[in-house]
Amino acid sequence: MDTQITERLQQMLVADQDLSLAEAALLLAKDEYPGLDVDAYLARLDELATRVRVRLPEGANIEDTLVTMNQILFDELGFAGNVDDYYDPRNSFLNDVLDRKLGIPITLSILYMDIASRLGLELEGVSFPGHFLVKFSTEEGDVVLDPFSGGTPLTEEDLVERLEEASGNEMIGGLSLNELLEATDKRDILVRMLRNLKGIYLRRQRHDKALTALHRILQIAPDQIEELRERGELHERLECYRAARDDYRRYLERANATIDVVPVRTRLIEVERQLARYH
């Protein structure tokens, strides 16, 4: 992986709540597009925000801002969810979303939140089961929006219906609807985006690219031990046995008493056997 990307991303992660999701997403896209000009795409986001700003009425409130954003982004410019090819990996790269005007819920939400932020409106991401959403708070309660569907506001009935579709009529892990609508940490948003990309590459048997996504997940969230195990498996599949051994060992060091570690111990023994053949 590019060390400059790694170093810049690490600097941004240290900033934590000041982390720019759009800049981080574009930086992550450089793993796929090494020549990508992050500043040029950030300037395009500035231009989109300016286009909305000049159309806002004097004294515009939150609703005015969101309605104008929706009109410009979705009605006029044609940004939309890619329902025809949802698992195209380009849907997970923010530069491609800006170029093609197609994305999945999480990348369209990052785009939507970034433009809103440039207009002084801080939206929050919601890692809702099966479909990423955004929300903002009012005195009357949270308003939930779906950028994948043109910024549509969702009622409680809409959300319950979506939850039932995603979970088969059962609350996820016993969580209530309100708990499922809690704001998502920026790091978690990036991790969810990368997990989507990892899954796409695994389905396509692009293990090298899935491995890159796993490297980035573990850079952003090093405590995700299941990703550590999965990275070990990919390293082993790609015959990178030393890296696989290191990942398996770290996994076993961090696993708690509730985790069945026998399969990983078995894989570690096999990896060490393979390494011994080279000595």
Protein backbone atom coordinates (compact mmCIF):
# COMPACT_ATOMS: atom_id res chain seq x y z
CA MET A 1 0.00 0.00 0.00
CA ASP A 2 1.06 3.59 -0.61
CA THR A 3 2.82 4.87 2.51
CA GLN A 4 1.85 8.48 1.75
CA ILE A 5 -1.83 7.51 1.80
CA THR A 6 -1.29 5.59 5.03
CA GLU A 7 0.47 8.52 6.70
CA ARG A 8 -2.07 11.12 5.57
CA LEU A 9 -4.97 8.92 6.64
CA GLN A 10 -3.34 8.40 10.03
CA GLN A 11 -3.00 12.16 10.47
CA MET A 12 -6.69 12.56 9.71
CA LEU A 13 -7.68 9.79 12.12
CA VAL A 14 -5.81 11.55 14.92
CA ALA A 15 -8.08 14.55 14.31
CA ASP A 16 -11.04 12.28 15.12
CA GLN A 17 -14.21 14.44 15.20
CA ASP A 18 -12.59 16.99 12.86
CA LEU A 19 -12.13 14.16 10.36
CA SER A 20 -13.51 15.02 6.92
CA LEU A 21 -15.41 11.97 5.69
CA ALA A 22 -15.28 13.12 2.08
CA GLU A 23 -11.52 13.72 2.14
CA ALA A 24 -10.93 10.39 3.88
CA ALA A 25 -13.15 8.57 1.37
CA LEU A 26 -11.26 10.15 -1.53
CA LEU A 27 -7.95 9.29 0.09
CA LEU A 28 -9.05 5.66 0.42
CA ALA A 29 -10.02 5.68 -3.25
CA LYS A 30 -6.37 6.38 -4.12
CA ASP A 31 -5.64 2.73 -3.36
CA GLU A 32 -7.70 1.96 -6.47
CA TYR A 33 -6.82 5.15 -8.38
CA PRO A 34 -3.22 6.13 -7.46
CA GLY A 35 -3.31 9.24 -9.65
CA LEU A 36 -6.52 10.59 -8.11
CA ASP A 37 -6.35 14.32 -7.32
CA VAL A 38 -8.07 14.59 -3.94
CA ASP A 39 -7.99 18.40 -3.91
CA ALA A 40 -9.67 18.58 -7.31
CA TYR A 41 -12.58 16.45 -6.10
CA LEU A 42 -12.87 18.45 -2.89
CA ALA A 43 -13.11 21.55 -5.07
CA ARG A 44 -16.00 19.91 -6.94
CA LEU A 45 -17.78 19.40 -3.64
CA ASP A 46 -17.22 23.10 -2.92
CA GLU A 47 -18.79 23.92 -6.29
CA LEU A 48 -21.84 21.77 -5.54
CA ALA A 49 -22.29 23.49 -2.18
CA THR A 50 -21.97 26.90 -3.83
CA ARG A 51 -24.59 25.93 -6.40
CA VAL A 52 -26.99 25.13 -3.58
CA ARG A 53 -26.07 28.22 -1.56
CA VAL A 54 -26.86 30.71 -4.32
CA ARG A 55 -30.34 29.20 -4.69
CA LEU A 56 -31.27 29.39 -1.02
CA PRO A 57 -33.86 31.97 -0.03
CA GLU A 58 -32.85 34.69 2.42
CA GLY A 59 -33.01 33.40 5.97
CA ALA A 60 -33.17 29.79 4.79
CA ASN A 61 -33.84 27.21 7.50
CA ILE A 62 -32.88 23.52 7.63
CA GLU A 63 -35.86 22.44 5.56
CA ASP A 64 -35.12 25.06 2.86
CA THR A 65 -31.54 23.89 2.66
CA LEU A 66 -32.42 20.21 2.34
CA VAL A 67 -35.18 20.81 -0.22
CA THR A 68 -32.78 22.88 -2.37
CA MET A 69 -30.03 20.27 -2.00
CA ASN A 70 -32.43 17.55 -3.12
CA GLN A 71 -33.62 19.57 -6.10
CA ILE A 72 -30.09 20.29 -7.33
CA LEU A 73 -28.36 16.99 -6.54
CA PHE A 74 -31.09 14.54 -7.44
CA ASP A 75 -33.58 16.29 -9.72
CA GLU A 76 -31.25 18.53 -11.73
CA LEU A 77 -27.85 16.83 -11.64
CA GLY A 78 -29.22 13.30 -11.54
CA PHE A 79 -27.34 11.76 -8.61
CA ALA A 80 -29.03 8.46 -7.83
CA GLY A 81 -28.68 5.07 -6.23
CA ASN A 82 -27.30 2.48 -8.62
CA VAL A 83 -30.19 0.02 -8.49
CA ASP A 84 -29.15 -1.66 -11.76
CA ASP A 85 -25.64 -2.62 -10.64
CA TYR A 86 -25.60 -2.19 -6.88
CA TYR A 87 -22.42 -4.26 -6.40
CA ASP A 88 -20.29 -2.41 -8.94
CA PRO A 89 -17.19 -1.50 -6.90
CA ARG A 90 -17.22 1.98 -8.42
CA ASN A 91 -20.27 2.72 -6.30
CA SER A 92 -18.00 2.60 -3.25
CA PHE A 93 -15.47 5.19 -4.47
CA LEU A 94 -16.49 8.82 -3.91
CA ASN A 95 -14.61 10.05 -6.98
CA ASP A 96 -16.60 7.62 -9.14
CA VAL A 97 -19.83 8.71 -7.45
CA LEU A 98 -19.04 12.32 -8.39
CA ASP A 99 -18.07 11.37 -11.95
CA ARG A 100 -20.86 8.88 -12.67
CA LYS A 101 -23.56 10.33 -10.37
CA LEU A 102 -24.27 6.81 -9.15
CA GLY A 103 -23.62 5.30 -5.74
CA ILE A 104 -24.80 3.15 -2.88
CA PRO A 105 -26.42 4.42 0.32
CA ILE A 106 -23.21 5.02 2.24
CA THR A 107 -21.28 6.90 -0.47
CA LEU A 108 -24.29 9.01 -1.40
CA SER A 109 -24.74 9.75 2.30
CA ILE A 110 -21.11 10.86 2.61
CA LEU A 111 -21.63 13.14 -0.39
CA TYR A 112 -24.88 14.47 1.08
CA MET A 113 -23.43 15.07 4.55
CA ASP A 114 -20.35 16.79 3.16
CA ILE A 115 -22.32 19.26 1.05
CA ALA A 116 -24.70 19.95 3.94
CA SER A 117 -21.72 20.61 6.21
CA ARG A 118 -20.34 23.15 3.75
CA LEU A 119 -23.71 24.89 4.01
CA GLY A 120 -23.55 24.99 7.80
CA LEU A 121 -25.87 22.01 8.36
CA GLU A 122 -24.37 19.14 10.33
CA LEU A 123 -26.08 15.87 9.45
CA GLU A 124 -25.24 12.59 11.15
CA GLY A 125 -24.82 9.16 9.60
CA VAL A 126 -27.03 6.29 10.71
CA SER A 127 -25.75 2.74 10.25
CA PHE A 128 -29.25 1.34 9.83
CA PRO A 129 -29.49 -2.40 9.09
CA GLY A 130 -29.16 -3.05 5.37
CA HIS A 131 -29.23 0.59 4.27
CA PHE A 132 -27.18 3.57 5.45
CA LEU A 133 -29.17 6.74 6.22
CA VAL A 134 -28.62 10.28 7.55
CA LYS A 135 -30.49 12.32 10.12
CA PHE A 136 -30.74 15.71 11.79
CA SER A 137 -32.23 16.64 15.15
CA THR A 138 -35.10 19.03 15.82
CA GLU A 139 -36.97 19.94 18.99
CA GLU A 140 -39.69 17.53 17.90
CA GLY A 141 -37.24 14.68 17.33
CA ASP A 142 -34.93 13.26 14.68
CA VAL A 143 -35.69 13.55 10.98
CA VAL A 144 -34.27 10.64 8.97
CA LEU A 145 -33.41 11.00 5.28
CA ASP A 146 -32.43 8.53 2.56
CA PRO A 147 -29.91 9.98 0.06
CA PHE A 148 -30.05 6.73 -1.93
CA SER A 149 -33.69 7.57 -2.71
CA GLY A 150 -33.24 11.24 -3.50
CA GLY A 151 -33.05 12.55 0.05
CA THR A 152 -36.53 11.25 0.89
CA PRO A 153 -37.60 11.78 4.53
CA LEU A 154 -38.64 8.54 6.20
CA THR A 155 -41.51 8.13 8.65
CA GLU A 156 -41.41 5.75 11.59
CA GLU A 157 -43.64 3.39 9.58
CA ASP A 158 -41.14 3.49 6.70
CA LEU A 159 -38.29 2.65 9.05
CA VAL A 160 -40.15 -0.22 10.72
CA GLU A 161 -41.00 -1.67 7.30
CA ARG A 162 -37.35 -1.48 6.24
CA LEU A 163 -36.24 -3.05 9.48
CA GLU A 164 -38.68 -5.93 9.03
CA GLU A 165 -37.36 -6.49 5.51
CA ALA A 166 -33.77 -6.50 6.76
CA SER A 167 -34.28 -8.60 9.88
CA GLY A 168 -37.29 -10.81 9.20
CA ASN A 169 -39.59 -9.15 11.71
CA GLU A 170 -37.03 -9.27 14.53
CA MET A 171 -35.20 -6.38 16.15
CA ILE A 172 -31.49 -6.61 15.39
CA GLY A 173 -29.79 -7.96 18.51
CA GLY A 174 -32.80 -6.95 20.59
CA LEU A 175 -32.23 -3.27 19.81
CA SER A 176 -35.14 -0.87 19.55
CA LEU A 177 -35.77 1.35 16.54
CA ASN A 178 -34.45 4.39 18.43
CA GLU A 179 -31.24 2.54 19.28
CA LEU A 180 -30.79 1.54 15.64
CA LEU A 181 -31.10 5.21 14.67
CA GLU A 182 -28.25 6.38 16.89
CA ALA A 183 -25.60 8.48 15.16
CA THR A 184 -22.62 6.58 13.77
CA ASP A 185 -19.02 7.52 14.51
CA LYS A 186 -17.07 8.78 11.49
CA ARG A 187 -14.54 5.97 11.76
CA ASP A 188 -17.37 3.44 11.76
CA ILE A 189 -18.78 5.02 8.60
CA LEU A 190 -15.46 4.55 6.82
CA VAL A 191 -15.22 0.97 8.11
CA ARG A 192 -18.73 0.16 6.86
CA MET A 193 -17.86 1.60 3.44
CA LEU A 194 -14.70 -0.52 3.30
CA ARG A 195 -16.55 -3.64 4.43
CA ASN A 196 -18.96 -3.16 1.55
CA LEU A 197 -16.01 -2.93 -0.81
CA LYS A 198 -14.30 -5.94 0.76
CA GLY A 199 -17.44 -8.02 0.31
CA ILE A 200 -17.75 -7.01 -3.33
CA TYR A 201 -14.15 -7.99 -4.05
CA LEU A 202 -14.48 -11.31 -2.23
CA ARG A 203 -17.54 -12.19 -4.31
CA ARG A 204 -15.50 -11.38 -7.42
CA GLN A 205 -12.54 -13.45 -6.19
CA ARG A 206 -10.35 -10.33 -6.19
CA HIS A 207 -8.49 -11.36 -3.09
CA ASP A 208 -5.70 -8.83 -3.60
CA LYS A 209 -8.16 -5.94 -3.60
CA ALA A 210 -10.12 -7.40 -0.68
CA LEU A 211 -6.81 -7.56 1.20
CA THR A 212 -6.21 -3.86 0.59
CA ALA A 213 -9.66 -3.06 1.98
CA LEU A 214 -8.86 -5.17 5.06
CA HIS A 215 -5.55 -3.33 5.56
CA ARG A 216 -7.46 -0.03 5.59
CA ILE A 217 -10.17 -1.32 7.92
CA LEU A 218 -7.51 -2.37 10.42
CA GLN A 219 -5.71 0.95 10.07
CA ILE A 220 -8.92 2.79 10.93
CA ALA A 221 -10.20 0.31 13.53
CA PRO A 222 -7.31 -1.87 14.76
CA ASP A 223 -9.53 -3.47 17.43
CA GLN A 224 -11.62 -5.34 14.83
CA ILE A 225 -10.21 -8.79 15.48
CA GLU A 226 -12.57 -10.58 13.09
CA GLU A 227 -11.04 -8.54 10.28
CA LEU A 228 -7.63 -9.51 11.63
CA ARG A 229 -8.58 -13.19 11.34
CA GLU A 230 -10.01 -12.62 7.87
CA ARG A 231 -6.86 -10.83 6.76
CA GLY A 232 -4.83 -13.79 8.00
CA GLU A 233 -6.98 -16.12 5.89
CA LEU A 234 -6.47 -13.97 2.80
CA HIS A 235 -2.73 -13.76 3.41
CA GLU A 236 -2.67 -17.55 3.67
CA ARG A 237 -4.72 -17.93 0.49
CA LEU A 238 -2.27 -15.66 -1.31
CA GLU A 239 0.63 -17.71 0.14
CA CYS A 240 1.91 -14.77 2.19
CA TYR A 241 2.62 -17.12 5.06
CA ARG A 242 4.64 -14.83 7.33
CA ALA A 243 1.92 -12.17 7.21
CA ALA A 244 -0.72 -14.85 7.80
CA ARG A 245 1.21 -16.17 10.79
CA ASP A 246 1.51 -12.69 12.29
CA ASP A 247 -2.22 -12.01 11.84
CA TYR A 248 -3.23 -15.33 13.36
CA ARG A 249 -0.92 -14.79 16.33
CA ARG A 250 -2.32 -11.30 16.96
CA TYR A 251 -5.83 -12.66 16.68
CA LEU A 252 -5.15 -15.35 19.27
CA GLU A 253 -3.57 -12.78 21.61
CA ARG A 254 -6.67 -10.57 21.44
CA ALA A 255 -9.44 -13.19 21.34
CA ASN A 256 -11.52 -13.40 24.51
CA ALA A 257 -12.78 -16.49 26.30
CA THR A 258 -16.10 -16.55 24.44
CA ILE A 259 -14.47 -17.01 21.02
CA ASP A 260 -13.75 -20.44 19.57
CA VAL A 261 -10.09 -20.09 18.65
CA VAL A 262 -9.50 -23.73 17.66
CA PRO A 263 -9.97 -23.12 13.90
CA VAL A 264 -7.44 -20.27 13.97
CA ARG A 265 -4.95 -22.35 15.99
CA THR A 266 -5.33 -25.05 13.35
CA ARG A 267 -4.64 -22.57 10.57
CA LEU A 268 -1.64 -21.20 12.46
CA ILE A 269 -0.13 -24.68 12.74
CA GLU A 270 -0.60 -25.19 9.00
CA VAL A 271 0.98 -21.82 8.19
CA GLU A 272 3.97 -22.54 10.42
CA ARG A 273 4.32 -25.93 8.68
CA GLN A 274 4.41 -24.15 5.32
CA LEU A 275 7.03 -21.69 6.59
CA ALA A 276 9.19 -24.54 7.88
CA ARG A 277 9.38 -25.93 4.35
CA TYR A 278 11.33 -22.84 3.28
CA HIS A 279 13.99 -23.18 5.99
